[in-house]
Amino acid sequence: MRLILLLTTALALAACSIKSNRPDYQYPEGSDATGADWPELAVTSELAAAGASVSRAAQDNQQATERLAARARALRTRAARLQREAAN
């Protein structure tokens, strides 16, 4: 049953044409995908360099975060020690 439905749908779609939807439009004789309206492709090495730069920045940020977390732990430890000494 599904096969019949699939084949019927495929046949119906194959019968459709955009040209029959707009009969007054003058379609070009030969469409070529190499025209000047296509954007230039980016150089792969530039994209790789940009990715490496972002990766280095992320690693630097991670290291700075770890240093800050270690400093915060040290300060909390010191504050707890000073509070114990002040309580005595």
PDB file of N, CA and C in Angstrom:
ATOM      1  N   MET A   1       0.828  -1.190   0.000  1.00  0.00           N
ATOM      2  CA  MET A   1       0.000   0.000   0.000  1.00  0.00           C
ATOM      3  C   MET A   1       0.874   1.257   0.000  1.00  0.00           C
ATOM      4  N   ARG A   2       1.916   1.226   0.830  1.00  0.00           N
ATOM      5  CA  ARG A   2       2.801   2.397   0.884  1.00  0.00           C
ATOM      6  C   ARG A   2       3.542   2.583  -0.429  1.00  0.00           C
ATOM      7  N   LEU A   3       3.914   1.478  -1.054  1.00  0.00           N
ATOM      8  CA  LEU A   3       4.623   1.546  -2.324  1.00  0.00           C
ATOM      9  C   LEU A   3       3.745   2.171  -3.393  1.00  0.00           C
ATOM     10  N   ILE A   4       2.480   1.792  -3.419  1.00  0.00           N
ATOM     11  CA  ILE A   4       1.558   2.360  -4.410  1.00  0.00           C
ATOM     12  C   ILE A   4       1.385   3.854  -4.169  1.00  0.00           C
ATOM     13  N   LEU A   5       1.253   4.247  -2.912  1.00  0.00           N
ATOM     14  CA  LEU A   5       1.101   5.662  -2.577  1.00  0.00           C
ATOM     15  C   LEU A   5       2.356   6.441  -2.955  1.00  0.00           C
ATOM     16  N   LEU A   6       3.507   5.873  -2.690  1.00  0.00           N
ATOM     17  CA  LEU A   6       4.768   6.529  -3.026  1.00  0.00           C
ATOM     18  C   LEU A   6       4.921   6.677  -4.532  1.00  0.00           C
ATOM     19  N   LEU A   7       4.624   5.634  -5.264  1.00  0.00           N
ATOM     20  CA  LEU A   7       4.734   5.700  -6.720  1.00  0.00           C
ATOM     21  C   LEU A   7       3.737   6.684  -7.313  1.00  0.00           C
ATOM     22  N   THR A   8       2.537   6.738  -6.785  1.00  0.00           N
ATOM     23  CA  THR A   8       1.530   7.692  -7.263  1.00  0.00           C
ATOM     24  C   THR A   8       1.976   9.123  -7.009  1.00  0.00           C
ATOM     25  N   THR A   9       2.527   9.374  -5.834  1.00  0.00           N
ATOM     26  CA  THR A   9       3.021  10.710  -5.504  1.00  0.00           C
ATOM     27  C   THR A   9       4.193  11.090  -6.400  1.00  0.00           C
ATOM     28  N   ALA A  10       5.114  10.171  -6.608  1.00  0.00           N
ATOM     29  CA  ALA A  10       6.261  10.447  -7.476  1.00  0.00           C
ATOM     30  C   ALA A  10       5.808  10.724  -8.902  1.00  0.00           C
ATOM     31  N   LEU A  11       4.852   9.978  -9.404  1.00  0.00           N
ATOM     32  CA  LEU A  11       4.341  10.190 -10.751  1.00  0.00           C
ATOM     33  C   LEU A  11       3.641  11.544 -10.863  1.00  0.00           C
ATOM     34  N   ALA A  12       2.880  11.908  -9.839  1.00  0.00           N
ATOM     35  CA  ALA A  12       2.191  13.202  -9.860  1.00  0.00           C
ATOM     36  C   ALA A  12       3.184  14.354  -9.835  1.00  0.00           C
ATOM     37  N   LEU A  13       4.237  14.227  -9.042  1.00  0.00           N
ATOM     38  CA  LEU A  13       5.242  15.286  -8.992  1.00  0.00           C
ATOM     39  C   LEU A  13       6.038  15.366 -10.282  1.00  0.00           C
ATOM     40  N   ALA A  14       6.261  14.245 -10.925  1.00  0.00           N
ATOM     41  CA  ALA A  14       6.999  14.254 -12.184  1.00  0.00           C
ATOM     42  C   ALA A  14       6.200  14.945 -13.278  1.00  0.00           C
ATOM     43  N   ALA A  15       4.896  14.907 -13.178  1.00  0.00           N
ATOM     44  CA  ALA A  15       4.048  15.535 -14.186  1.00  0.00           C
ATOM     45  C   ALA A  15       3.993  17.052 -14.014  1.00  0.00           C
ATOM     46  N   CYS A  16       4.360  17.552 -12.855  1.00  0.00           N
ATOM     47  CA  CYS A  16       4.323  18.989 -12.602  1.00  0.00           C
ATOM     48  C   CYS A  16       5.520  19.661 -13.255  1.00  0.00           C
ATOM     49  N   SER A  17       5.314  20.875 -13.691  1.00  0.00           N
ATOM     50  CA  SER A  17       6.398  21.644 -14.281  1.00  0.00           C
ATOM     51  C   SER A  17       6.199  23.107 -13.936  1.00  0.00           C
ATOM     52  N   ILE A  18       7.283  23.767 -13.598  1.00  0.00           N
ATOM     53  CA  ILE A  18       7.183  25.190 -13.288  1.00  0.00           C
ATOM     54  C   ILE A  18       6.875  25.984 -14.548  1.00  0.00           C
ATOM     55  N   LYS A  19       7.279  25.461 -15.692  1.00  0.00           N
ATOM     56  CA  LYS A  19       7.013  26.171 -16.944  1.00  0.00           C
ATOM     57  C   LYS A  19       5.524  26.219 -17.253  1.00  0.00           C
ATOM     58  N   SER A  20       4.791  25.210 -16.860  1.00  0.00           N
ATOM     59  CA  SER A  20       3.358  25.241 -17.116  1.00  0.00           C
ATOM     60  C   SER A  20       2.641  26.186 -16.152  1.00  0.00           C
ATOM     61  N   ASN A  21       3.290  26.546 -15.043  1.00  0.00           N
ATOM     62  CA  ASN A  21       2.698  27.462 -14.077  1.00  0.00           C
ATOM     63  C   ASN A  21       2.786  28.904 -14.578  1.00  0.00           C
ATOM     64  N   ARG A  22       3.837  29.230 -15.311  1.00  0.00           N
ATOM     65  CA  ARG A  22       4.044  30.581 -15.844  1.00  0.00           C
ATOM     66  C   ARG A  22       4.263  30.498 -17.358  1.00  0.00           C
ATOM     67  N   PRO A  23       3.207  30.345 -18.133  1.00  0.00           N
ATOM     68  CA  PRO A  23       3.390  30.170 -19.580  1.00  0.00           C
ATOM     69  C   PRO A  23       3.885  31.428 -20.283  1.00  0.00           C
ATOM     70  N   ASP A  24       3.645  32.631 -19.720  1.00  0.00           N
ATOM     71  CA  ASP A  24       4.054  33.858 -20.386  1.00  0.00           C
ATOM     72  C   ASP A  24       5.498  34.249 -20.108  1.00  0.00           C
ATOM     73  N   TYR A  25       6.166  33.563 -19.204  1.00  0.00           N
ATOM     74  CA  TYR A  25       7.559  33.888 -18.858  1.00  0.00           C
ATOM     75  C   TYR A  25       8.502  33.306 -19.917  1.00  0.00           C
ATOM     76  N   GLN A  26       9.469  34.101 -20.324  1.00  0.00           N
ATOM     77  CA  GLN A  26      10.451  33.656 -21.310  1.00  0.00           C
ATOM     78  C   GLN A  26      11.643  33.054 -20.582  1.00  0.00           C
ATOM     79  N   TYR A  27      11.727  31.749 -20.593  1.00  0.00           N
ATOM     80  CA  TYR A  27      12.832  31.065 -19.926  1.00  0.00           C
ATOM     81  C   TYR A  27      14.071  31.134 -20.800  1.00  0.00           C
ATOM     82  N   PRO A  28      15.262  31.278 -20.184  1.00  0.00           N
ATOM     83  CA  PRO A  28      16.488  31.321 -20.981  1.00  0.00           C
ATOM     84  C   PRO A  28      16.715  29.993 -21.700  1.00  0.00           C
ATOM     85  N   GLU A  29      17.363  30.084 -22.842  1.00  0.00           N
ATOM     86  CA  GLU A  29      17.611  28.888 -23.646  1.00  0.00           C
ATOM     87  C   GLU A  29      18.465  27.885 -22.888  1.00  0.00           C
ATOM     88  N   GLY A  30      19.584  28.336 -22.383  1.00  0.00           N
ATOM     89  CA  GLY A  30      20.469  27.421 -21.650  1.00  0.00           C
ATOM     90  C   GLY A  30      20.900  28.075 -20.352  1.00  0.00           C
ATOM     91  N   SER A  31      20.437  27.583 -19.265  1.00  0.00           N
ATOM     92  CA  SER A  31      20.848  28.128 -17.978  1.00  0.00           C
ATOM     93  C   SER A  31      22.194  27.528 -17.612  1.00  0.00           C
ATOM     94  N   ASP A  32      23.117  28.401 -17.243  1.00  0.00           N
ATOM     95  CA  ASP A  32      24.453  27.947 -16.880  1.00  0.00           C
ATOM     96  C   ASP A  32      24.738  28.401 -15.454  1.00  0.00           C
ATOM     97  N   ALA A  33      25.204  27.510 -14.630  1.00  0.00           N
ATOM     98  CA  ALA A  33      25.450  27.807 -13.224  1.00  0.00           C
ATOM     99  C   ALA A  33      26.805  28.444 -12.998  1.00  0.00           C
ATOM    100  N   THR A  34      27.515  28.826 -14.042  1.00  0.00           N
ATOM    101  CA  THR A  34      28.836  29.422 -13.876  1.00  0.00           C
ATOM    102  C   THR A  34      28.805  30.931 -14.067  1.00  0.00           C
ATOM    103  N   GLY A  35      27.661  31.527 -13.960  1.00  0.00           N
ATOM    104  CA  GLY A  35      27.541  32.962 -14.177  1.00  0.00           C
ATOM    105  C   GLY A  35      28.191  33.781 -13.080  1.00  0.00           C
ATOM    106  N   ALA A  36      28.241  35.086 -13.285  1.00  0.00           N
ATOM    107  CA  ALA A  36      28.887  35.996 -12.338  1.00  0.00           C
ATOM    108  C   ALA A  36      28.044  36.250 -11.097  1.00  0.00           C
ATOM    109  N   ASP A  37      26.817  35.781 -11.083  1.00  0.00           N
ATOM    110  CA  ASP A  37      25.952  36.041  -9.930  1.00  0.00           C
ATOM    111  C   ASP A  37      26.215  35.102  -8.764  1.00  0.00           C
ATOM    112  N   TRP A  38      27.130  34.160  -8.926  1.00  0.00           N
ATOM    113  CA  TRP A  38      27.462  33.246  -7.834  1.00  0.00           C
ATOM    114  C   TRP A  38      28.533  33.872  -6.956  1.00  0.00           C
ATOM    115  N   PRO A  39      28.448  33.717  -5.631  1.00  0.00           N
ATOM    116  CA  PRO A  39      29.461  34.307  -4.742  1.00  0.00           C
ATOM    117  C   PRO A  39      30.793  33.578  -4.873  1.00  0.00           C
ATOM    118  N   GLU A  40      31.848  34.303  -4.549  1.00  0.00           N
ATOM    119  CA  GLU A  40      33.166  33.684  -4.574  1.00  0.00           C
ATOM    120  C   GLU A  40      33.307  32.749  -3.380  1.00  0.00           C
ATOM    121  N   LEU A  41      34.030  31.688  -3.595  1.00  0.00           N
ATOM    122  CA  LEU A  41      34.252  30.736  -2.519  1.00  0.00           C
ATOM    123  C   LEU A  41      35.375  31.227  -1.618  1.00  0.00           C
ATOM    124  N   ALA A  42      35.266  30.939  -0.340  1.00  0.00           N
ATOM    125  CA  ALA A  42      36.288  31.341   0.618  1.00  0.00           C
ATOM    126  C   ALA A  42      37.476  30.384   0.513  1.00  0.00           C
ATOM    127  N   VAL A  43      38.633  30.909   0.796  1.00  0.00           N
ATOM    128  CA  VAL A  43      39.845  30.102   0.768  1.00  0.00           C
ATOM    129  C   VAL A  43      39.870  29.229   2.020  1.00  0.00           C
ATOM    130  N   THR A  44      40.097  27.959   1.839  1.00  0.00           N
ATOM    131  CA  THR A  44      40.045  27.012   2.951  1.00  0.00           C
ATOM    132  C   THR A  44      41.107  27.319   3.997  1.00  0.00           C
ATOM    133  N   SER A  45      42.282  27.741   3.574  1.00  0.00           N
ATOM    134  CA  SER A  45      43.340  28.033   4.541  1.00  0.00           C
ATOM    135  C   SER A  45      42.965  29.214   5.438  1.00  0.00           C
ATOM    136  N   GLU A  46      42.245  30.189   4.871  1.00  0.00           N
ATOM    137  CA  GLU A  46      41.799  31.322   5.689  1.00  0.00           C
ATOM    138  C   GLU A  46      40.766  30.866   6.721  1.00  0.00           C
ATOM    139  N   LEU A  47      39.872  29.987   6.298  1.00  0.00           N
ATOM    140  CA  LEU A  47      38.880  29.476   7.240  1.00  0.00           C
ATOM    141  C   LEU A  47      39.540  28.654   8.336  1.00  0.00           C
ATOM    142  N   ALA A  48      40.545  27.860   7.980  1.00  0.00           N
ATOM    143  CA  ALA A  48      41.258  27.056   8.976  1.00  0.00           C
ATOM    144  C   ALA A  48      42.008  27.957   9.952  1.00  0.00           C
ATOM    145  N   ALA A  49      42.618  29.024   9.445  1.00  0.00           N
ATOM    146  CA  ALA A  49      43.332  29.958  10.314  1.00  0.00           C
ATOM    147  C   ALA A  49      42.372  30.663  11.264  1.00  0.00           C
ATOM    148  N   ALA A  50      41.205  31.030  10.763  1.00  0.00           N
ATOM    149  CA  ALA A  50      40.217  31.680  11.624  1.00  0.00           C
ATOM    150  C   ALA A  50      39.751  30.716  12.714  1.00  0.00           C
ATOM    151  N   GLY A  51      39.561  29.461  12.358  1.00  0.00           N
ATOM    152  CA  GLY A  51      39.161  28.463  13.344  1.00  0.00           C
ATOM    153  C   GLY A  51      40.230  28.239  14.385  1.00  0.00           C
ATOM    154  N   ALA A  52      41.509  28.224  13.954  1.00  0.00           N
ATOM    155  CA  ALA A  52      42.613  28.051  14.892  1.00  0.00           C
ATOM    156  C   ALA A  52      42.708  29.245  15.838  1.00  0.00           C
ATOM    157  N   SER A  53      42.445  30.434  15.324  1.00  0.00           N
ATOM    158  CA  SER A  53      42.476  31.637  16.158  1.00  0.00           C
ATOM    159  C   SER A  53      41.399  31.575  17.235  1.00  0.00           C
ATOM    160  N   VAL A  54      40.222  31.162  16.858  1.00  0.00           N
ATOM    161  CA  VAL A  54      39.129  31.039  17.823  1.00  0.00           C
ATOM    162  C   VAL A  54      39.458  29.958  18.847  1.00  0.00           C
ATOM    163  N   SER A  55      40.058  28.878  18.388  1.00  0.00           N
ATOM    164  CA  SER A  55      40.424  27.791  19.299  1.00  0.00           C
ATOM    165  C   SER A  55      41.472  28.252  20.309  1.00  0.00           C
ATOM    166  N   ARG A  56      42.474  29.009  19.832  1.00  0.00           N
ATOM    167  CA  ARG A  56      43.499  29.544  20.746  1.00  0.00           C
ATOM    168  C   ARG A  56      42.884  30.491  21.760  1.00  0.00           C
ATOM    169  N   ALA A  57      41.966  31.336  21.306  1.00  0.00           N
ATOM    170  CA  ALA A  57      41.303  32.275  22.219  1.00  0.00           C
ATOM    171  C   ALA A  57      40.492  31.512  23.268  1.00  0.00           C
ATOM    172  N   ALA A  58      39.831  30.449  22.863  1.00  0.00           N
ATOM    173  CA  ALA A  58      39.054  29.655  23.813  1.00  0.00           C
ATOM    174  C   ALA A  58      39.966  28.979  24.835  1.00  0.00           C
ATOM    175  N   GLN A  59      41.124  28.486  24.383  1.00  0.00           N
ATOM    176  CA  GLN A  59      42.072  27.872  25.312  1.00  0.00           C
ATOM    177  C   GLN A  59      42.622  28.897  26.292  1.00  0.00           C
ATOM    178  N   ASP A  60      42.932  30.095  25.796  1.00  0.00           N
ATOM    179  CA  ASP A  60      43.418  31.155  26.684  1.00  0.00           C
ATOM    180  C   ASP A  60      42.361  31.528  27.717  1.00  0.00           C
ATOM    181  N   ASN A  61      41.109  31.628  27.278  1.00  0.00           N
ATOM    182  CA  ASN A  61      40.024  31.940  28.211  1.00  0.00           C
ATOM    183  C   ASN A  61      39.850  30.837  29.245  1.00  0.00           C
ATOM    184  N   GLN A  62      39.988  29.584  28.820  1.00  0.00           N
ATOM    185  CA  GLN A  62      39.867  28.464  29.749  1.00  0.00           C
ATOM    186  C   GLN A  62      40.974  28.513  30.797  1.00  0.00           C
ATOM    187  N   GLN A  63      42.199  28.805  30.377  1.00  0.00           N
ATOM    188  CA  GLN A  63      43.315  28.893  31.316  1.00  0.00           C
ATOM    189  C   GLN A  63      43.126  30.044  32.293  1.00  0.00           C
ATOM    190  N   ALA A  64      42.654  31.178  31.792  1.00  0.00           N
ATOM    191  CA  ALA A  64      42.406  32.320  32.674  1.00  0.00           C
ATOM    192  C   ALA A  64      41.309  31.991  33.681  1.00  0.00           C
ATOM    193  N   THR A  65      40.296  31.277  33.249  1.00  0.00           N
ATOM    194  CA  THR A  65      39.216  30.877  34.147  1.00  0.00           C
ATOM    195  C   THR A  65      39.723  29.940  35.231  1.00  0.00           C
ATOM    196  N   GLU A  66      40.570  28.996  34.838  1.00  0.00           N
ATOM    197  CA  GLU A  66      41.129  28.069  35.827  1.00  0.00           C
ATOM    198  C   GLU A  66      42.013  28.791  36.833  1.00  0.00           C
ATOM    199  N   ARG A  67      42.801  29.770  36.361  1.00  0.00           N
ATOM    200  CA  ARG A  67      43.634  30.556  37.291  1.00  0.00           C
ATOM    201  C   ARG A  67      42.760  31.341  38.263  1.00  0.00           C
ATOM    202  N   LEU A  68      41.689  31.925  37.742  1.00  0.00           N
ATOM    203  CA  LEU A  68      40.785  32.709  38.593  1.00  0.00           C
ATOM    204  C   LEU A  68      40.102  31.808  39.622  1.00  0.00           C
ATOM    205  N   ALA A  69      39.696  30.611  39.210  1.00  0.00           N
ATOM    206  CA  ALA A  69      39.055  29.681  40.144  1.00  0.00           C
ATOM    207  C   ALA A  69      40.038  29.238  41.225  1.00  0.00           C
ATOM    208  N   ALA A  70      41.298  29.003  40.857  1.00  0.00           N
ATOM    209  CA  ALA A  70      42.313  28.619  41.845  1.00  0.00           C
ATOM    210  C   ALA A  70      42.556  29.764  42.827  1.00  0.00           C
ATOM    211  N   ARG A  71      42.601  30.974  42.322  1.00  0.00           N
ATOM    212  CA  ARG A  71      42.792  32.146  43.192  1.00  0.00           C
ATOM    213  C   ARG A  71      41.610  32.294  44.148  1.00  0.00           C
ATOM    214  N   ALA A  72      40.394  32.075  43.653  1.00  0.00           N
ATOM    215  CA  ALA A  72      39.204  32.180  44.509  1.00  0.00           C
ATOM    216  C   ALA A  72      39.241  31.111  45.598  1.00  0.00           C
ATOM    217  N   ARG A  73      39.654  29.892  45.250  1.00  0.00           N
ATOM    218  CA  ARG A  73      39.757  28.837  46.271  1.00  0.00           C
ATOM    219  C   ARG A  73      40.793  29.212  47.326  1.00  0.00           C
ATOM    220  N   ALA A  74      41.931  29.754  46.886  1.00  0.00           N
ATOM    221  CA  ALA A  74      42.971  30.140  47.833  1.00  0.00           C
ATOM    222  C   ALA A  74      42.477  31.244  48.760  1.00  0.00           C
ATOM    223  N   LEU A  75      41.743  32.207  48.219  1.00  0.00           N
ATOM    224  CA  LEU A  75      41.226  33.297  49.045  1.00  0.00           C
ATOM    225  C   LEU A  75      40.172  32.800  50.030  1.00  0.00           C
ATOM    226  N   ARG A  76      39.329  31.861  49.616  1.00  0.00           N
ATOM    227  CA  ARG A  76      38.335  31.301  50.536  1.00  0.00           C
ATOM    228  C   ARG A  76      39.029  30.539  51.671  1.00  0.00           C
ATOM    229  N   THR A  77      40.072  29.792  51.322  1.00  0.00           N
ATOM    230  CA  THR A  77      40.825  29.055  52.339  1.00  0.00           C
ATOM    231  C   THR A  77      41.470  30.028  53.326  1.00  0.00           C
ATOM    232  N   ARG A  78      42.047  31.094  52.802  1.00  0.00           N
ATOM    233  CA  ARG A  78      42.692  32.092  53.662  1.00  0.00           C
ATOM    234  C   ARG A  78      41.664  32.770  54.560  1.00  0.00           C
ATOM    235  N   ALA A  79      40.494  33.102  53.990  1.00  0.00           N
ATOM    236  CA  ALA A  79      39.449  33.758  54.783  1.00  0.00           C
ATOM    237  C   ALA A  79      38.960  32.837  55.895  1.00  0.00           C
ATOM    238  N   ALA A  80      38.808  31.566  55.599  1.00  0.00           N
ATOM    239  CA  ALA A  80      38.375  30.615  56.627  1.00  0.00           C
ATOM    240  C   ALA A  80      39.431  30.497  57.716  1.00  0.00           C
ATOM    241  N   ARG A  81      40.707  30.475  57.332  1.00  0.00           N
ATOM    242  CA  ARG A  81      41.788  30.385  58.324  1.00  0.00           C
ATOM    243  C   ARG A  81      41.822  31.633  59.197  1.00  0.00           C
ATOM    244  N   LEU A  82      41.657  32.813  58.583  1.00  0.00           N
ATOM    245  CA  LEU A  82      41.655  34.061  59.353  1.00  0.00           C
ATOM    246  C   LEU A  82      40.446  34.131  60.292  1.00  0.00           C
ATOM    247  N   GLN A  83      39.310  33.617  59.874  1.00  0.00           N
ATOM    248  CA  GLN A  83      38.123  33.616  60.742  1.00  0.00           C
ATOM    249  C   GLN A  83      38.350  32.680  61.933  1.00  0.00           C
ATOM    250  N   ARG A  84      38.992  31.549  61.702  1.00  0.00           N
ATOM    251  CA  ARG A  84      39.281  30.638  62.814  1.00  0.00           C
ATOM    252  C   ARG A  84      40.252  31.283  63.792  1.00  0.00           C
ATOM    253  N   GLU A  85      41.266  31.988  63.262  1.00  0.00           N
ATOM    254  CA  GLU A  85      42.241  32.637  64.147  1.00  0.00           C
ATOM    255  C   GLU A  85      41.592  33.768  64.933  1.00  0.00           C
ATOM    256  N   ALA A  86      40.672  34.507  64.290  1.00  0.00           N
ATOM    257  CA  ALA A  86      40.011  35.616  64.980  1.00  0.00           C
ATOM    258  C   ALA A  86      39.042  35.102  66.048  1.00  0.00           C
ATOM    259  N   ALA A  87      38.491  33.908  65.836  1.00  0.00           N
ATOM    260  CA  ALA A  87      37.559  33.333  66.802  1.00  0.00           C
ATOM    261  C   ALA A  87      38.301  32.853  68.047  1.00  0.00           C
ATOM    262  N   ASN A  88      39.559  32.516  67.910  1.00  0.00           N
ATOM    263  CA  ASN A  88      40.325  32.013  69.063  1.00  0.00           C
ATOM    264  C   ASN A  88      40.753  33.138  69.892  1.00  0.00           C
TER     265      ASN A  88
END
